[in-house]
Amino acid sequence: MDLHEELPAAVDPEALLALADTHHARAARPLGLREAAGHLVKVYALEAPGRTVSAQDAEAGLRIAARHLELGPLRGSLGLAVLIVHAGGDGDYVLVHSWIEGDMADLAIFAGPVGEPDALRPGRAGLAPCVWEAALLAHERDAYSRHVLDGTGPLAGRLTAWGADTVTGDVR
């Protein structure tokens, strides 16, 4: 198939080009390591243009994460998680990504209206991270592998290195 002459029927050129025209960077900033439901949690704020993640938003995200992570032992949790509190362009999101047994990960996405953390609910079946959230999670996968799995020395030092390896600034 020559993509310059013919595209598969499901490819929507207008929609793809419209997304490309409006794509922009979003600010990411680490909010430190915290504890939630016995897990060590690396917390991030992710902000659409004109939106800010406040300290109250981060605390609400940690409460949601703690409720989700309480079930961690049933899912094979290894006790490490990443929390993304995303002030999105169309609503608010909380992503709880945790490392589980067998080199696997568990991901929960909560979504809701802007500024109503108590209204955040689990995302619909099949919902996956958006491009900006996925950029943060890709970094976190690499940081986990680099420092925890492939690191050397005592575990405390590996976890300290993992906790310090963060994304700051714009993600695309």
Protein backbone atom coordinates (compact mmCIF):
# COMPACT_ATOMS: atom_id res chain seq x y z
CA MET A 1 0.00 0.00 0.00
CA ASP A 2 1.33 3.39 -0.99
CA LEU A 3 0.30 5.74 1.84
CA HIS A 4 0.88 8.75 -0.43
CA GLU A 5 -1.98 7.58 -2.67
CA GLU A 6 -4.30 5.53 -0.48
CA LEU A 7 -5.09 5.26 3.23
CA PRO A 8 -6.97 2.45 4.96
CA ALA A 9 -10.69 3.21 5.30
CA ALA A 10 -10.59 3.72 9.08
CA VAL A 11 -7.92 6.43 8.91
CA ASP A 12 -9.62 9.81 9.33
CA PRO A 13 -7.23 12.35 7.79
CA GLU A 14 -9.30 15.40 8.74
CA ALA A 15 -9.56 14.36 12.39
CA LEU A 16 -5.86 13.48 12.63
CA LEU A 17 -4.78 16.75 11.05
CA ALA A 18 -7.18 18.71 13.29
CA LEU A 19 -5.59 17.09 16.35
CA ALA A 20 -2.12 17.86 15.01
CA ASP A 21 -3.09 21.51 14.49
CA THR A 22 -4.23 21.91 18.11
CA HIS A 23 -1.60 19.74 19.82
CA HIS A 24 0.39 21.63 22.45
CA ALA A 25 2.74 21.06 25.35
CA ARG A 26 1.44 20.62 28.88
CA ALA A 27 3.31 21.51 32.03
CA ALA A 28 4.39 18.66 34.27
CA ARG A 29 5.88 19.08 37.71
CA PRO A 30 6.80 16.56 40.37
CA LEU A 31 5.12 16.96 43.75
CA GLY A 32 7.42 14.60 45.65
CA LEU A 33 7.21 11.16 47.18
CA ARG A 34 4.28 10.45 49.44
CA GLU A 35 2.79 7.48 51.23
CA ALA A 36 -0.69 6.18 50.47
CA ALA A 37 -2.17 2.89 51.68
CA GLY A 38 1.31 1.62 52.54
CA HIS A 39 2.65 2.41 49.05
CA LEU A 40 5.50 4.73 48.13
CA VAL A 41 3.86 7.09 45.62
CA LYS A 42 5.61 9.48 43.23
CA VAL A 43 3.17 12.35 42.60
CA TYR A 44 2.94 14.57 39.52
CA ALA A 45 0.85 17.57 38.55
CA LEU A 46 -0.02 17.79 34.86
CA GLU A 47 -1.62 21.02 33.68
CA ALA A 48 -3.41 22.05 30.50
CA PRO A 49 -2.85 25.67 29.42
CA GLY A 50 -4.69 27.98 31.82
CA ARG A 51 -5.20 25.22 34.44
CA THR A 52 -3.35 24.62 37.70
CA VAL A 53 -3.16 21.66 40.08
CA SER A 54 -3.49 23.13 43.58
CA ALA A 55 -2.30 21.60 46.84
CA GLN A 56 -5.94 20.69 47.53
CA ASP A 57 -6.20 18.95 44.14
CA ALA A 58 -3.06 16.94 44.91
CA GLU A 59 -4.42 15.93 48.32
CA ALA A 60 -7.72 14.86 46.73
CA GLY A 61 -5.73 12.80 44.22
CA LEU A 62 -3.82 11.14 47.05
CA ARG A 63 -7.09 10.25 48.79
CA ILE A 64 -8.38 8.63 45.59
CA ALA A 65 -5.07 6.83 45.12
CA ALA A 66 -5.13 5.55 48.70
CA ARG A 67 -8.61 4.08 48.27
CA HIS A 68 -7.52 2.37 45.06
CA LEU A 69 -4.18 1.17 46.45
CA GLU A 70 -5.83 -0.38 49.51
CA LEU A 71 -6.68 -3.29 47.20
CA GLY A 72 -3.05 -3.53 46.04
CA PRO A 73 -2.26 -6.80 47.79
CA LEU A 74 -5.13 -8.47 45.92
CA ARG A 75 -3.60 -7.34 42.61
CA GLY A 76 -0.02 -8.34 43.44
CA SER A 77 1.20 -4.82 44.22
CA LEU A 78 4.90 -4.35 44.91
CA GLY A 79 4.26 -1.15 46.91
CA LEU A 80 5.41 1.44 44.35
CA ALA A 81 3.04 3.74 42.49
CA VAL A 82 2.89 6.87 40.36
CA LEU A 83 0.05 9.34 40.77
CA ILE A 84 -0.78 11.86 38.05
CA VAL A 85 -3.19 14.64 39.01
CA HIS A 86 -4.18 16.11 35.65
CA ALA A 87 -5.99 19.42 35.32
CA GLY A 88 -7.07 18.71 31.75
CA GLY A 89 -8.63 20.85 29.10
CA ASP A 90 -11.97 19.07 29.31
CA GLY A 91 -12.06 17.93 32.94
CA ASP A 92 -9.97 16.61 35.79
CA TYR A 93 -8.22 13.25 35.87
CA VAL A 94 -6.39 11.15 38.42
CA LEU A 95 -4.23 8.25 37.23
CA VAL A 96 -2.90 5.68 39.67
CA HIS A 97 -0.21 3.49 38.13
CA SER A 98 1.36 0.81 40.30
CA TRP A 99 3.94 -1.87 39.71
CA ILE A 100 2.71 -5.41 40.33
CA GLU A 101 4.16 -8.90 40.28
CA GLY A 102 5.46 -10.48 37.10
CA ASP A 103 6.95 -7.27 35.62
CA MET A 104 3.41 -5.96 35.11
CA ALA A 105 1.63 -2.73 35.99
CA ASP A 106 -1.85 -1.82 37.17
CA LEU A 107 -3.53 1.39 35.99
CA ALA A 108 -6.68 3.10 37.22
CA ILE A 109 -8.02 6.27 35.65
CA PHE A 110 -10.55 8.48 37.42
CA ALA A 111 -12.28 11.29 35.53
CA GLY A 112 -14.70 14.07 36.33
CA PRO A 113 -15.68 17.69 35.95
CA VAL A 114 -13.29 20.56 36.53
CA GLY A 115 -12.81 21.50 40.18
CA GLU A 116 -14.97 18.73 41.67
CA PRO A 117 -12.58 16.12 43.07
CA ASP A 118 -15.38 14.35 44.94
CA ALA A 119 -17.10 13.77 41.57
CA LEU A 120 -14.16 11.87 40.05
CA ARG A 121 -15.21 8.33 39.12
CA PRO A 122 -13.45 5.38 37.48
CA GLY A 123 -13.07 5.92 33.75
CA ARG A 124 -15.01 3.82 31.28
CA ALA A 125 -13.74 0.38 30.28
CA GLY A 126 -10.95 0.67 27.75
CA LEU A 127 -9.97 4.24 28.67
CA ALA A 128 -6.21 4.69 28.32
CA PRO A 129 -3.88 7.57 29.18
CA CYS A 130 -3.94 10.61 26.90
CA VAL A 131 -0.77 11.57 25.02
CA TRP A 132 0.53 13.78 27.87
CA GLU A 133 -0.19 11.24 30.61
CA ALA A 134 1.40 8.52 28.47
CA ALA A 135 4.56 10.65 28.15
CA LEU A 136 4.88 10.78 31.94
CA LEU A 137 4.18 7.06 32.30
CA ALA A 138 6.78 6.25 29.63
CA HIS A 139 9.37 8.16 31.65
CA GLU A 140 8.27 6.35 34.80
CA ARG A 141 8.58 2.94 33.16
CA ASP A 142 12.16 3.78 32.21
CA ALA A 143 12.97 5.21 35.66
CA TYR A 144 11.55 2.12 37.39
CA SER A 145 13.54 -0.23 35.15
CA ARG A 146 16.73 1.83 35.38
CA HIS A 147 16.81 2.40 39.13
CA VAL A 148 14.79 -0.37 40.76
CA LEU A 149 15.10 -3.38 38.46
CA ASP A 150 18.52 -2.75 36.92
CA GLY A 151 19.99 -0.73 39.79
CA THR A 152 22.61 -2.03 42.16
CA GLY A 153 23.11 -1.67 45.87
CA PRO A 154 20.62 -1.62 48.72
CA LEU A 155 16.94 -1.18 47.88
CA ALA A 156 16.68 2.08 49.85
CA GLY A 157 19.24 3.70 47.53
CA ARG A 158 17.49 2.38 44.44
CA LEU A 159 14.15 3.78 45.64
CA THR A 160 15.75 7.13 46.45
CA ALA A 161 17.17 7.29 42.91
CA TRP A 162 13.78 6.29 41.43
CA GLY A 163 12.03 8.98 43.49
CA ALA A 164 14.47 11.66 42.32
CA ASP A 165 14.20 10.74 38.61
CA THR A 166 11.29 12.95 37.59
CA VAL A 167 9.91 14.90 34.66
CA THR A 168 9.83 18.68 35.01
CA GLY A 169 8.63 21.07 32.36
CA ASP A 170 6.68 20.57 29.18
CA VAL A 171 5.54 17.18 27.93
CA ARG A 172 4.20 16.66 24.44
